Amino acid sequence: MNSATFGQLEASLTQVLEHVQGKRDLRTTLLPAPPPPLAARDVRRLRDTLQASQGVFARYLNVSSKLVQAWEAGRRSPEGPALLLLHLVAQDPALALRAPWADTRPRRGRAA
């Protein structure tokens, strides 16, 4: 072990000892619990609440319609940011309908 590594280890142990003796407060951060998993029926129920097809629901969430199909069939489970977004939309379904960056005016077909 080189002297720099030994010095860092010694400093760390000194800090731990000071903490145990009540001479030092350690910074702690409480993180929220991860969202609970959603079952296929929960995803379907949420989509039904919005009265959206799988394609439209996928568009609301910015995911592929194949992914929504896989969630609802139980082949995959929502995870990461998509799981959090689904929980947020479940709490307030109107969130999926509001996209402040999007032009919400109806689109017309292109002129020939």
PDB file of N, CA and C in Angstrom:
ATOM      1  N   MET A   1       0.864  -1.169   0.000  1.00  0.00           N
ATOM      2  CA  MET A   1       0.000   0.000   0.000  1.00  0.00           C
ATOM      3  C   MET A   1       0.904   1.223   0.000  1.00  0.00           C
ATOM      4  N   ASN A   2       0.614   2.153  -0.945  1.00  0.00           N
ATOM      5  CA  ASN A   2       1.461   3.353  -1.002  1.00  0.00           C
ATOM      6  C   ASN A   2       1.037   4.328   0.093  1.00  0.00           C
ATOM      7  N   SER A   3       1.871   5.325   0.338  1.00  0.00           N
ATOM      8  CA  SER A   3       1.640   6.248   1.449  1.00  0.00           C
ATOM      9  C   SER A   3       0.398   7.125   1.246  1.00  0.00           C
ATOM     10  N   ALA A   4       0.064   7.467  -0.006  1.00  0.00           N
ATOM     11  CA  ALA A   4      -1.115   8.292  -0.258  1.00  0.00           C
ATOM     12  C   ALA A   4      -2.389   7.520   0.104  1.00  0.00           C
ATOM     13  N   THR A   5      -2.456   6.255  -0.300  1.00  0.00           N
ATOM     14  CA  THR A   5      -3.619   5.429   0.018  1.00  0.00           C
ATOM     15  C   THR A   5      -3.722   5.220   1.526  1.00  0.00           C
ATOM     16  N   PHE A   6      -2.593   4.968   2.161  1.00  0.00           N
ATOM     17  CA  PHE A   6      -2.591   4.787   3.610  1.00  0.00           C
ATOM     18  C   PHE A   6      -3.055   6.060   4.315  1.00  0.00           C
ATOM     19  N   GLY A   7      -2.636   7.214   3.825  1.00  0.00           N
ATOM     20  CA  GLY A   7      -3.048   8.490   4.418  1.00  0.00           C
ATOM     21  C   GLY A   7      -4.559   8.707   4.298  1.00  0.00           C
ATOM     22  N   GLN A   8      -5.129   8.357   3.137  1.00  0.00           N
ATOM     23  CA  GLN A   8      -6.577   8.490   2.956  1.00  0.00           C
ATOM     24  C   GLN A   8      -7.335   7.540   3.881  1.00  0.00           C
ATOM     25  N   LEU A   9      -6.835   6.330   4.004  1.00  0.00           N
ATOM     26  CA  LEU A   9      -7.461   5.347   4.881  1.00  0.00           C
ATOM     27  C   LEU A   9      -7.401   5.801   6.335  1.00  0.00           C
ATOM     28  N   GLU A  10      -6.270   6.315   6.737  1.00  0.00           N
ATOM     29  CA  GLU A  10      -6.103   6.804   8.113  1.00  0.00           C
ATOM     30  C   GLU A  10      -7.047   7.982   8.393  1.00  0.00           C
ATOM     31  N   ALA A  11      -7.173   8.894   7.424  1.00  0.00           N
ATOM     32  CA  ALA A  11      -8.066  10.043   7.591  1.00  0.00           C
ATOM     33  C   ALA A  11      -9.517   9.581   7.692  1.00  0.00           C
ATOM     34  N   SER A  12      -9.891   8.611   6.899  1.00  0.00           N
ATOM     35  CA  SER A  12     -11.255   8.081   6.938  1.00  0.00           C
ATOM     36  C   SER A  12     -11.551   7.425   8.273  1.00  0.00           C
ATOM     37  N   LEU A  13     -10.617   6.652   8.770  1.00  0.00           N
ATOM     38  CA  LEU A  13     -10.821   6.003  10.062  1.00  0.00           C
ATOM     39  C   LEU A  13     -10.908   7.032  11.187  1.00  0.00           C
ATOM     40  N   THR A  14     -10.136   8.087  11.093  1.00  0.00           N
ATOM     41  CA  THR A  14     -10.207   9.166  12.089  1.00  0.00           C
ATOM     42  C   THR A  14     -11.590   9.817  12.063  1.00  0.00           C
ATOM     43  N   GLN A  15     -12.135  10.047  10.871  1.00  0.00           N
ATOM     44  CA  GLN A  15     -13.473  10.634  10.748  1.00  0.00           C
ATOM     45  C   GLN A  15     -14.536   9.708  11.332  1.00  0.00           C
ATOM     46  N   VAL A  16     -14.412   8.401  11.090  1.00  0.00           N
ATOM     47  CA  VAL A  16     -15.364   7.440  11.642  1.00  0.00           C
ATOM     48  C   VAL A  16     -15.289   7.470  13.167  1.00  0.00           C
ATOM     49  N   LEU A  17     -14.110   7.476  13.707  1.00  0.00           N
ATOM     50  CA  LEU A  17     -13.928   7.512  15.157  1.00  0.00           C
ATOM     51  C   LEU A  17     -14.530   8.787  15.747  1.00  0.00           C
ATOM     52  N   GLU A  18     -14.300   9.930  15.090  1.00  0.00           N
ATOM     53  CA  GLU A  18     -14.877  11.195  15.563  1.00  0.00           C
ATOM     54  C   GLU A  18     -16.402  11.145  15.531  1.00  0.00           C
ATOM     55  N   HIS A  19     -16.961  10.512  14.519  1.00  0.00           N
ATOM     56  CA  HIS A  19     -18.409  10.388  14.423  1.00  0.00           C
ATOM     57  C   HIS A  19     -18.944   9.528  15.569  1.00  0.00           C
ATOM     58  N   VAL A  20     -18.293   8.392  15.816  1.00  0.00           N
ATOM     59  CA  VAL A  20     -18.732   7.492  16.883  1.00  0.00           C
ATOM     60  C   VAL A  20     -18.647   8.192  18.240  1.00  0.00           C
ATOM     61  N   GLN A  21     -17.658   9.032  18.426  1.00  0.00           N
ATOM     62  CA  GLN A  21     -17.482   9.759  19.693  1.00  0.00           C
ATOM     63  C   GLN A  21     -18.384  10.990  19.786  1.00  0.00           C
ATOM     64  N   GLY A  22     -19.146  11.272  18.728  1.00  0.00           N
ATOM     65  CA  GLY A  22     -20.057  12.413  18.746  1.00  0.00           C
ATOM     66  C   GLY A  22     -19.377  13.741  18.443  1.00  0.00           C
ATOM     67  N   LYS A  23     -18.166  13.714  17.941  1.00  0.00           N
ATOM     68  CA  LYS A  23     -17.425  14.939  17.634  1.00  0.00           C
ATOM     69  C   LYS A  23     -17.636  15.413  16.197  1.00  0.00           C
ATOM     70  N   ARG A  24     -18.287  14.586  15.377  1.00  0.00           N
ATOM     71  CA  ARG A  24     -18.464  14.923  13.964  1.00  0.00           C
ATOM     72  C   ARG A  24     -19.845  14.453  13.514  1.00  0.00           C
ATOM     73  N   ASP A  25     -20.533  15.314  12.787  1.00  0.00           N
ATOM     74  CA  ASP A  25     -21.809  14.939  12.181  1.00  0.00           C
ATOM     75  C   ASP A  25     -21.562  14.594  10.723  1.00  0.00           C
ATOM     76  N   LEU A  26     -22.135  13.490  10.311  1.00  0.00           N
ATOM     77  CA  LEU A  26     -22.012  13.091   8.919  1.00  0.00           C
ATOM     78  C   LEU A  26     -23.242  13.570   8.163  1.00  0.00           C
ATOM     79  N   ARG A  27     -23.032  13.990   6.948  1.00  0.00           N
ATOM     80  CA  ARG A  27     -24.137  14.420   6.096  1.00  0.00           C
ATOM     81  C   ARG A  27     -24.890  13.180   5.621  1.00  0.00           C
ATOM     82  N   THR A  28     -26.190  13.201   5.800  1.00  0.00           N
ATOM     83  CA  THR A  28     -27.006  12.099   5.315  1.00  0.00           C
ATOM     84  C   THR A  28     -28.085  12.656   4.405  1.00  0.00           C
ATOM     85  N   THR A  29     -28.450  11.875   3.435  1.00  0.00           N
ATOM     86  CA  THR A  29     -29.495  12.253   2.505  1.00  0.00           C
ATOM     87  C   THR A  29     -30.530  11.142   2.494  1.00  0.00           C
ATOM     88  N   LEU A  30     -31.760  11.504   2.784  1.00  0.00           N
ATOM     89  CA  LEU A  30     -32.832  10.530   2.725  1.00  0.00           C
ATOM     90  C   LEU A  30     -33.422  10.532   1.322  1.00  0.00           C
ATOM     91  N   LEU A  31     -33.393   9.396   0.704  1.00  0.00           N
ATOM     92  CA  LEU A  31     -33.915   9.262  -0.652  1.00  0.00           C
ATOM     93  C   LEU A  31     -35.328   8.682  -0.587  1.00  0.00           C
ATOM     94  N   PRO A  32     -36.198   9.119  -1.494  1.00  0.00           N
ATOM     95  CA  PRO A  32     -37.536   8.520  -1.509  1.00  0.00           C
ATOM     96  C   PRO A  32     -37.457   7.067  -1.946  1.00  0.00           C
ATOM     97  N   ALA A  33     -38.411   6.287  -1.481  1.00  0.00           N
ATOM     98  CA  ALA A  33     -38.465   4.882  -1.900  1.00  0.00           C
ATOM     99  C   ALA A  33     -38.789   4.822  -3.386  1.00  0.00           C
ATOM    100  N   PRO A  34     -38.271   3.829  -4.081  1.00  0.00           N
ATOM    101  CA  PRO A  34     -38.615   3.706  -5.508  1.00  0.00           C
ATOM    102  C   PRO A  34     -40.099   3.393  -5.643  1.00  0.00           C
ATOM    103  N   PRO A  35     -40.688   3.755  -6.776  1.00  0.00           N
ATOM    104  CA  PRO A  35     -42.113   3.472  -6.957  1.00  0.00           C
ATOM    105  C   PRO A  35     -42.352   1.963  -7.007  1.00  0.00           C
ATOM    106  N   PRO A  36     -43.501   1.532  -6.488  1.00  0.00           N
ATOM    107  CA  PRO A  36     -43.797   0.090  -6.548  1.00  0.00           C
ATOM    108  C   PRO A  36     -44.043  -0.343  -7.982  1.00  0.00           C
ATOM    109  N   PRO A  37     -43.812  -1.612  -8.272  1.00  0.00           N
ATOM    110  CA  PRO A  37     -44.031  -2.098  -9.636  1.00  0.00           C
ATOM    111  C   PRO A  37     -45.510  -2.026 -10.012  1.00  0.00           C
ATOM    112  N   LEU A  38     -45.756  -1.969 -11.300  1.00  0.00           N
ATOM    113  CA  LEU A  38     -47.119  -1.982 -11.821  1.00  0.00           C
ATOM    114  C   LEU A  38     -47.343  -3.275 -12.580  1.00  0.00           C
ATOM    115  N   ALA A  39     -48.481  -3.900 -12.333  1.00  0.00           N
ATOM    116  CA  ALA A  39     -48.848  -5.116 -13.054  1.00  0.00           C
ATOM    117  C   ALA A  39     -49.463  -4.734 -14.395  1.00  0.00           C
ATOM    118  N   ALA A  40     -49.566  -5.710 -15.267  1.00  0.00           N
ATOM    119  CA  ALA A  40     -50.133  -5.487 -16.604  1.00  0.00           C
ATOM    120  C   ALA A  40     -51.535  -4.895 -16.503  1.00  0.00           C
ATOM    121  N   ARG A  41     -52.342  -5.409 -15.576  1.00  0.00           N
ATOM    122  CA  ARG A  41     -53.721  -4.908 -15.435  1.00  0.00           C
ATOM    123  C   ARG A  41     -53.739  -3.453 -14.979  1.00  0.00           C
ATOM    124  N   ASP A  42     -52.727  -3.028 -14.199  1.00  0.00           N
ATOM    125  CA  ASP A  42     -52.653  -1.634 -13.749  1.00  0.00           C
ATOM    126  C   ASP A  42     -52.376  -0.691 -14.918  1.00  0.00           C
ATOM    127  N   VAL A  43     -51.486  -1.113 -15.808  1.00  0.00           N
ATOM    128  CA  VAL A  43     -51.177  -0.300 -16.988  1.00  0.00           C
ATOM    129  C   VAL A  43     -52.423  -0.193 -17.861  1.00  0.00           C
ATOM    130  N   ARG A  44     -53.108  -1.318 -18.057  1.00  0.00           N
ATOM    131  CA  ARG A  44     -54.321  -1.317 -18.883  1.00  0.00           C
ATOM    132  C   ARG A  44     -55.406  -0.431 -18.259  1.00  0.00           C
ATOM    133  N   ARG A  45     -55.556  -0.528 -16.936  1.00  0.00           N
ATOM    134  CA  ARG A  45     -56.568   0.270 -16.244  1.00  0.00           C
ATOM    135  C   ARG A  45     -56.263   1.763 -16.406  1.00  0.00           C
ATOM    136  N   LEU A  46     -54.999   2.127 -16.306  1.00  0.00           N
ATOM    137  CA  LEU A  46     -54.610   3.530 -16.468  1.00  0.00           C
ATOM    138  C   LEU A  46     -54.903   4.006 -17.890  1.00  0.00           C
ATOM    139  N   ARG A  47     -54.579   3.176 -18.870  1.00  0.00           N
ATOM    140  CA  ARG A  47     -54.854   3.532 -20.265  1.00  0.00           C
ATOM    141  C   ARG A  47     -56.356   3.670 -20.500  1.00  0.00           C
ATOM    142  N   ASP A  48     -57.124   2.772 -19.915  1.00  0.00           N
ATOM    143  CA  ASP A  48     -58.581   2.852 -20.038  1.00  0.00           C
ATOM    144  C   ASP A  48     -59.124   4.128 -19.399  1.00  0.00           C
ATOM    145  N   THR A  49     -58.525   4.539 -18.286  1.00  0.00           N
ATOM    146  CA  THR A  49     -58.937   5.783 -17.620  1.00  0.00           C
ATOM    147  C   THR A  49     -58.792   6.969 -18.563  1.00  0.00           C
ATOM    148  N   LEU A  50     -57.742   6.950 -19.361  1.00  0.00           N
ATOM    149  CA  LEU A  50     -57.499   8.029 -20.315  1.00  0.00           C
ATOM    150  C   LEU A  50     -58.289   7.843 -21.607  1.00  0.00           C
ATOM    151  N   GLN A  51     -58.958   6.722 -21.733  1.00  0.00           N
ATOM    152  CA  GLN A  51     -59.721   6.397 -22.935  1.00  0.00           C
ATOM    153  C   GLN A  51     -58.846   6.536 -24.185  1.00  0.00           C
ATOM    154  N   ALA A  52     -57.661   5.927 -24.097  1.00  0.00           N
ATOM    155  CA  ALA A  52     -56.685   6.037 -25.183  1.00  0.00           C
ATOM    156  C   ALA A  52     -56.361   4.662 -25.745  1.00  0.00           C
ATOM    157  N   SER A  53     -56.098   4.620 -27.023  1.00  0.00           N
ATOM    158  CA  SER A  53     -55.596   3.389 -27.633  1.00  0.00           C
ATOM    159  C   SER A  53     -54.161   3.176 -27.151  1.00  0.00           C
ATOM    160  N   GLN A  54     -53.627   1.992 -27.418  1.00  0.00           N
ATOM    161  CA  GLN A  54     -52.240   1.738 -27.031  1.00  0.00           C
ATOM    162  C   GLN A  54     -51.293   2.711 -27.706  1.00  0.00           C
ATOM    163  N   GLY A  55     -51.560   3.027 -28.968  1.00  0.00           N
ATOM    164  CA  GLY A  55     -50.693   3.953 -29.699  1.00  0.00           C
ATOM    165  C   GLY A  55     -50.736   5.359 -29.125  1.00  0.00           C
ATOM    166  N   VAL A  56     -51.930   5.827 -28.804  1.00  0.00           N
ATOM    167  CA  VAL A  56     -52.067   7.172 -28.237  1.00  0.00           C
ATOM    168  C   VAL A  56     -51.450   7.215 -26.840  1.00  0.00           C
ATOM    169  N   PHE A  57     -51.711   6.182 -26.048  1.00  0.00           N
ATOM    170  CA  PHE A  57     -51.139   6.116 -24.698  1.00  0.00           C
ATOM    171  C   PHE A  57     -49.613   6.123 -24.768  1.00  0.00           C
ATOM    172  N   ALA A  58     -49.054   5.360 -25.715  1.00  0.00           N
ATOM    173  CA  ALA A  58     -47.602   5.339 -25.904  1.00  0.00           C
ATOM    174  C   ALA A  58     -47.087   6.734 -26.245  1.00  0.00           C
ATOM    175  N   ARG A  59     -47.840   7.433 -27.070  1.00  0.00           N
ATOM    176  CA  ARG A  59     -47.436   8.788 -27.456  1.00  0.00           C
ATOM    177  C   ARG A  59     -47.456   9.724 -26.255  1.00  0.00           C
ATOM    178  N   TYR A  60     -48.489   9.596 -25.393  1.00  0.00           N
ATOM    179  CA  TYR A  60     -48.553  10.394 -24.164  1.00  0.00           C
ATOM    180  C   TYR A  60     -47.306  10.199 -23.313  1.00  0.00           C
ATOM    181  N   LEU A  61     -46.818   8.945 -23.252  1.00  0.00           N
ATOM    182  CA  LEU A  61     -45.688   8.608 -22.390  1.00  0.00           C
ATOM    183  C   LEU A  61     -44.340   8.718 -23.095  1.00  0.00           C
ATOM    184  N   ASN A  62     -44.375   8.979 -24.402  1.00  0.00           N
ATOM    185  CA  ASN A  62     -43.154   9.057 -25.206  1.00  0.00           C
ATOM    186  C   ASN A  62     -42.394   7.721 -25.213  1.00  0.00           C
ATOM    187  N   VAL A  63     -43.160   6.645 -25.344  1.00  0.00           N
ATOM    188  CA  VAL A  63     -42.583   5.303 -25.490  1.00  0.00           C
ATOM    189  C   VAL A  63     -43.197   4.675 -26.733  1.00  0.00           C
ATOM    190  N   SER A  64     -42.700   3.522 -27.126  1.00  0.00           N
ATOM    191  CA  SER A  64     -43.244   2.867 -28.316  1.00  0.00           C
ATOM    192  C   SER A  64     -44.535   2.128 -27.979  1.00  0.00           C
ATOM    193  N   SER A  65     -45.381   1.983 -28.972  1.00  0.00           N
ATOM    194  CA  SER A  65     -46.625   1.234 -28.766  1.00  0.00           C
ATOM    195  C   SER A  65     -46.310  -0.242 -28.501  1.00  0.00           C
ATOM    196  N   LYS A  66     -45.224  -0.753 -29.052  1.00  0.00           N
ATOM    197  CA  LYS A  66     -44.805  -2.138 -28.780  1.00  0.00           C
ATOM    198  C   LYS A  66     -44.490  -2.319 -27.296  1.00  0.00           C
ATOM    199  N   LEU A  67     -43.912  -1.288 -26.674  1.00  0.00           N
ATOM    200  CA  LEU A  67     -43.606  -1.372 -25.253  1.00  0.00           C
ATOM    201  C   LEU A  67     -44.889  -1.391 -24.431  1.00  0.00           C
ATOM    202  N   VAL A  68     -45.854  -0.560 -24.771  1.00  0.00           N
ATOM    203  CA  VAL A  68     -47.145  -0.573 -24.074  1.00  0.00           C
ATOM    204  C   VAL A  68     -47.803  -1.943 -24.237  1.00  0.00           C
ATOM    205  N   GLN A  69     -47.744  -2.508 -25.440  1.00  0.00           N
ATOM    206  CA  GLN A  69     -48.302  -3.842 -25.672  1.00  0.00           C
ATOM    207  C   GLN A  69     -47.621  -4.880 -24.776  1.00  0.00           C
ATOM    208  N   ALA A  70     -46.304  -4.796 -24.667  1.00  0.00           N
ATOM    209  CA  ALA A  70     -45.554  -5.748 -23.833  1.00  0.00           C
ATOM    210  C   ALA A  70     -45.908  -5.584 -22.358  1.00  0.00           C
ATOM    211  N   TRP A  71     -46.089  -4.342 -21.905  1.00  0.00           N
ATOM    212  CA  TRP A  71     -46.497  -4.112 -20.510  1.00  0.00           C
ATOM    213  C   TRP A  71     -47.851  -4.752 -20.253  1.00  0.00           C
ATOM    214  N   GLU A  72     -48.799  -4.503 -21.143  1.00  0.00           N
ATOM    215  CA  GLU A  72     -50.162  -4.985 -20.932  1.00  0.00           C
ATOM    216  C   GLU A  72     -50.268  -6.499 -21.088  1.00  0.00           C
ATOM    217  N   ALA A  73     -49.382  -7.098 -21.847  1.00  0.00           N
ATOM    218  CA  ALA A  73     -49.372  -8.551 -22.014  1.00  0.00           C
ATOM    219  C   ALA A  73     -48.585  -9.242 -20.896  1.00  0.00           C
ATOM    220  N   GLY A  74     -47.911  -8.459 -20.071  1.00  0.00           N
ATOM    221  CA  GLY A  74     -47.127  -9.028 -18.983  1.00  0.00           C
ATOM    222  C   GLY A  74     -45.773  -9.569 -19.412  1.00  0.00           C
ATOM    223  N   ARG A  75     -45.370  -9.282 -20.646  1.00  0.00           N
ATOM    224  CA  ARG A  75     -44.054  -9.728 -21.124  1.00  0.00           C
ATOM    225  C   ARG A  75     -42.936  -8.868 -20.568  1.00  0.00           C
ATOM    226  N   ARG A  76     -43.253  -7.618 -20.279  1.00  0.00           N
ATOM    227  CA  ARG A  76     -42.285  -6.687 -19.680  1.00  0.00           C
ATOM    228  C   ARG A  76     -42.997  -5.909 -18.593  1.00  0.00           C
ATOM    229  N   SER A  77     -42.223  -5.333 -17.710  1.00  0.00           N
ATOM    230  CA  SER A  77     -42.779  -4.495 -16.648  1.00  0.00           C
ATOM    231  C   SER A  77     -42.191  -3.107 -16.775  1.00  0.00           C
ATOM    232  N   PRO A  78     -43.005  -2.087 -16.534  1.00  0.00           N
ATOM    233  CA  PRO A  78     -42.462  -0.725 -16.574  1.00  0.00           C
ATOM    234  C   PRO A  78     -41.357  -0.578 -15.536  1.00  0.00           C
ATOM    235  N   GLU A  79     -40.319   0.158 -15.904  1.00  0.00           N
ATOM    236  CA  GLU A  79     -39.209   0.374 -14.976  1.00  0.00           C
ATOM    237  C   GLU A  79     -38.615   1.749 -15.195  1.00  0.00           C
ATOM    238  N   GLY A  80     -37.810   2.172 -14.269  1.00  0.00           N
ATOM    239  CA  GLY A  80     -37.091   3.444 -14.369  1.00  0.00           C
ATOM    240  C   GLY A  80     -38.024   4.635 -14.510  1.00  0.00           C
ATOM    241  N   PRO A  81     -37.647   5.589 -15.364  1.00  0.00           N
ATOM    242  CA  PRO A  81     -38.452   6.796 -15.539  1.00  0.00           C
ATOM    243  C   PRO A  81     -39.873   6.514 -16.013  1.00  0.00           C
ATOM    244  N   ALA A  82     -40.072   5.473 -16.827  1.00  0.00           N
ATOM    245  CA  ALA A  82     -41.415   5.151 -17.313  1.00  0.00           C
ATOM    246  C   ALA A  82     -42.314   4.733 -16.154  1.00  0.00           C
ATOM    247  N   LEU A  83     -41.776   3.977 -15.201  1.00  0.00           N
ATOM    248  CA  LEU A  83     -42.555   3.547 -14.043  1.00  0.00           C
ATOM    249  C   LEU A  83     -42.961   4.752 -13.204  1.00  0.00           C
ATOM    250  N   LEU A  84     -42.026   5.651 -12.984  1.00  0.00           N
ATOM    251  CA  LEU A  84     -42.342   6.865 -12.224  1.00  0.00           C
ATOM    252  C   LEU A  84     -43.394   7.693 -12.953  1.00  0.00           C
ATOM    253  N   LEU A  85     -43.246   7.839 -14.255  1.00  0.00           N
ATOM    254  CA  LEU A  85     -44.219   8.609 -15.035  1.00  0.00           C
ATOM    255  C   LEU A  85     -45.603   7.971 -14.971  1.00  0.00           C
ATOM    256  N   LEU A  86     -45.679   6.666 -15.054  1.00  0.00           N
ATOM    257  CA  LEU A  86     -46.969   5.984 -14.956  1.00  0.00           C
ATOM    258  C   LEU A  86     -47.631   6.244 -13.603  1.00  0.00           C
ATOM    259  N   HIS A  87     -46.850   6.225 -12.540  1.00  0.00           N
ATOM    260  CA  HIS A  87     -47.402   6.517 -11.213  1.00  0.00           C
ATOM    261  C   HIS A  87     -47.892   7.969 -11.128  1.00  0.00           C
ATOM    262  N   LEU A  88     -47.147   8.881 -11.710  1.00  0.00           N
ATOM    263  CA  LEU A  88     -47.575  10.284 -11.697  1.00  0.00           C
ATOM    264  C   LEU A  88     -48.869  10.463 -12.483  1.00  0.00           C
ATOM    265  N   VAL A  89     -48.962   9.818 -13.627  1.00  0.00           N
ATOM    266  CA  VAL A  89     -50.173   9.915 -14.437  1.00  0.00           C
ATOM    267  C   VAL A  89     -51.340   9.233 -13.719  1.00  0.00           C
ATOM    268  N   ALA A  90     -51.064   8.155 -12.985  1.00  0.00           N
ATOM    269  CA  ALA A  90     -52.129   7.489 -12.225  1.00  0.00           C
ATOM    270  C   ALA A  90     -52.687   8.431 -11.149  1.00  0.00           C
ATOM    271  N   GLN A  91     -51.817   9.238 -10.540  1.00  0.00           N
ATOM    272  CA  GLN A  91     -52.265  10.197  -9.526  1.00  0.00           C
ATOM    273  C   GLN A  91     -53.042  11.344 -10.148  1.00  0.00           C
ATOM    274  N   ASP A  92     -52.615  11.772 -11.336  1.00  0.00           N
ATOM    275  CA  ASP A  92     -53.272  12.896 -12.015  1.00  0.00           C
ATOM    276  C   ASP A  92     -53.302  12.600 -13.518  1.00  0.00           C
ATOM    277  N   PRO A  93     -54.330  11.906 -13.991  1.00  0.00           N
ATOM    278  CA  PRO A  93     -54.385  11.516 -15.401  1.00  0.00           C
ATOM    279  C   PRO A  93     -54.268  12.693 -16.373  1.00  0.00           C
ATOM    280  N   ALA A  94     -54.659  13.876 -15.945  1.00  0.00           N
ATOM    281  CA  ALA A  94     -54.566  15.034 -16.834  1.00  0.00           C
ATOM    282  C   ALA A  94     -53.120  15.360 -17.194  1.00  0.00           C
ATOM    283  N   LEU A  95     -52.158  14.881 -16.406  1.00  0.00           N
ATOM    284  CA  LEU A  95     -50.743  15.127 -16.736  1.00  0.00           C
ATOM    285  C   LEU A  95     -50.392  14.582 -18.116  1.00  0.00           C
ATOM    286  N   ALA A  96     -50.969  13.448 -18.461  1.00  0.00           N
ATOM    287  CA  ALA A  96     -50.658  12.833 -19.754  1.00  0.00           C
ATOM    288  C   ALA A  96     -51.216  13.657 -20.901  1.00  0.00           C
ATOM    289  N   LEU A  97     -52.269  14.384 -20.624  1.00  0.00           N
ATOM    290  CA  LEU A  97     -52.930  15.153 -21.676  1.00  0.00           C
ATOM    291  C   LEU A  97     -52.318  16.527 -21.870  1.00  0.00           C
ATOM    292  N   ARG A  98     -51.539  16.968 -20.882  1.00  0.00           N
ATOM    293  CA  ARG A  98     -50.921  18.296 -20.974  1.00  0.00           C
ATOM    294  C   ARG A  98     -49.479  18.145 -21.440  1.00  0.00           C
ATOM    295  N   ALA A  99     -49.168  18.780 -22.527  1.00  0.00           N
ATOM    296  CA  ALA A  99     -47.786  18.832 -23.016  1.00  0.00           C
ATOM    297  C   ALA A  99     -47.533  20.280 -23.409  1.00  0.00           C
ATOM    298  N   PRO A 100     -47.012  21.090 -22.476  1.00  0.00           N
ATOM    299  CA  PRO A 100     -46.881  22.514 -22.753  1.00  0.00           C
ATOM    300  C   PRO A 100     -46.013  22.845 -23.962  1.00  0.00           C
ATOM    301  N   TRP A 101     -45.153  21.943 -24.370  1.00  0.00           N
ATOM    302  CA  TRP A 101     -44.279  22.197 -25.517  1.00  0.00           C
ATOM    303  C   TRP A 101     -44.949  21.812 -26.838  1.00  0.00           C
ATOM    304  N   ALA A 102     -46.074  21.104 -26.748  1.00  0.00           N
ATOM    305  CA  ALA A 102     -46.709  20.588 -27.969  1.00  0.00           C
ATOM    306  C   ALA A 102     -47.782  21.538 -28.480  1.00  0.00           C
ATOM    307  N   ASP A 103     -47.924  21.551 -29.770  1.00  0.00           N
ATOM    308  CA  ASP A 103     -49.003  22.293 -30.418  1.00  0.00           C
ATOM    309  C   ASP A 103     -50.241  21.404 -30.347  1.00  0.00           C
ATOM    310  N   THR A 104     -51.239  21.825 -29.591  1.00  0.00           N
ATOM    311  CA  THR A 104     -52.415  20.983 -29.375  1.00  0.00           C
ATOM    312  C   THR A 104     -53.515  21.240 -30.390  1.00  0.00           C
ATOM    313  N   ARG A 105     -53.274  22.121 -31.367  1.00  0.00           N
ATOM    314  CA  ARG A 105     -54.285  22.353 -32.399  1.00  0.00           C
ATOM    315  C   ARG A 105     -54.413  21.125 -33.275  1.00  0.00           C
ATOM    316  N   PRO A 106     -55.627  20.816 -33.721  1.00  0.00           N
ATOM    317  CA  PRO A 106     -55.805  19.638 -34.598  1.00  0.00           C
ATOM    318  C   PRO A 106     -54.975  19.799 -35.878  1.00  0.00           C
ATOM    319  N   ARG A 107     -54.409  18.701 -36.299  1.00  0.00           N
ATOM    320  CA  ARG A 107     -53.617  18.713 -37.532  1.00  0.00           C
ATOM    321  C   ARG A 107     -54.529  18.434 -38.709  1.00  0.00           C
ATOM    322  N   ARG A 108     -54.219  19.064 -39.801  1.00  0.00           N
ATOM    323  CA  ARG A 108     -54.964  18.816 -41.041  1.00  0.00           C
ATOM    324  C   ARG A 108     -54.051  18.090 -42.006  1.00  0.00           C
ATOM    325  N   GLY A 109     -54.674  17.391 -42.916  1.00  0.00           N
ATOM    326  CA  GLY A 109     -53.894  16.686 -43.938  1.00  0.00           C
ATOM    327  C   GLY A 109     -53.187  17.679 -44.828  1.00  0.00           C
ATOM    328  N   ARG A 110     -52.130  17.236 -45.437  1.00  0.00           N
ATOM    329  CA  ARG A 110     -51.362  18.115 -46.344  1.00  0.00           C
ATOM    330  C   ARG A 110     -52.127  18.370 -47.631  1.00  0.00           C
ATOM    331  N   ALA A 111     -52.009  19.571 -48.101  1.00  0.00           N
ATOM    332  CA  ALA A 111     -52.626  19.910 -49.388  1.00  0.00           C
ATOM    333  C   ALA A 111     -51.845  19.259 -50.500  1.00  0.00           C
ATOM    334  N   ALA A 112     -52.554  18.797 -51.496  1.00  0.00           N
ATOM    335  CA  ALA A 112     -51.882  18.113 -52.620  1.00  0.00           C
ATOM    336  C   ALA A 112     -51.373  19.094 -53.627  1.00  0.00           C
TER     337      ALA A 112
END
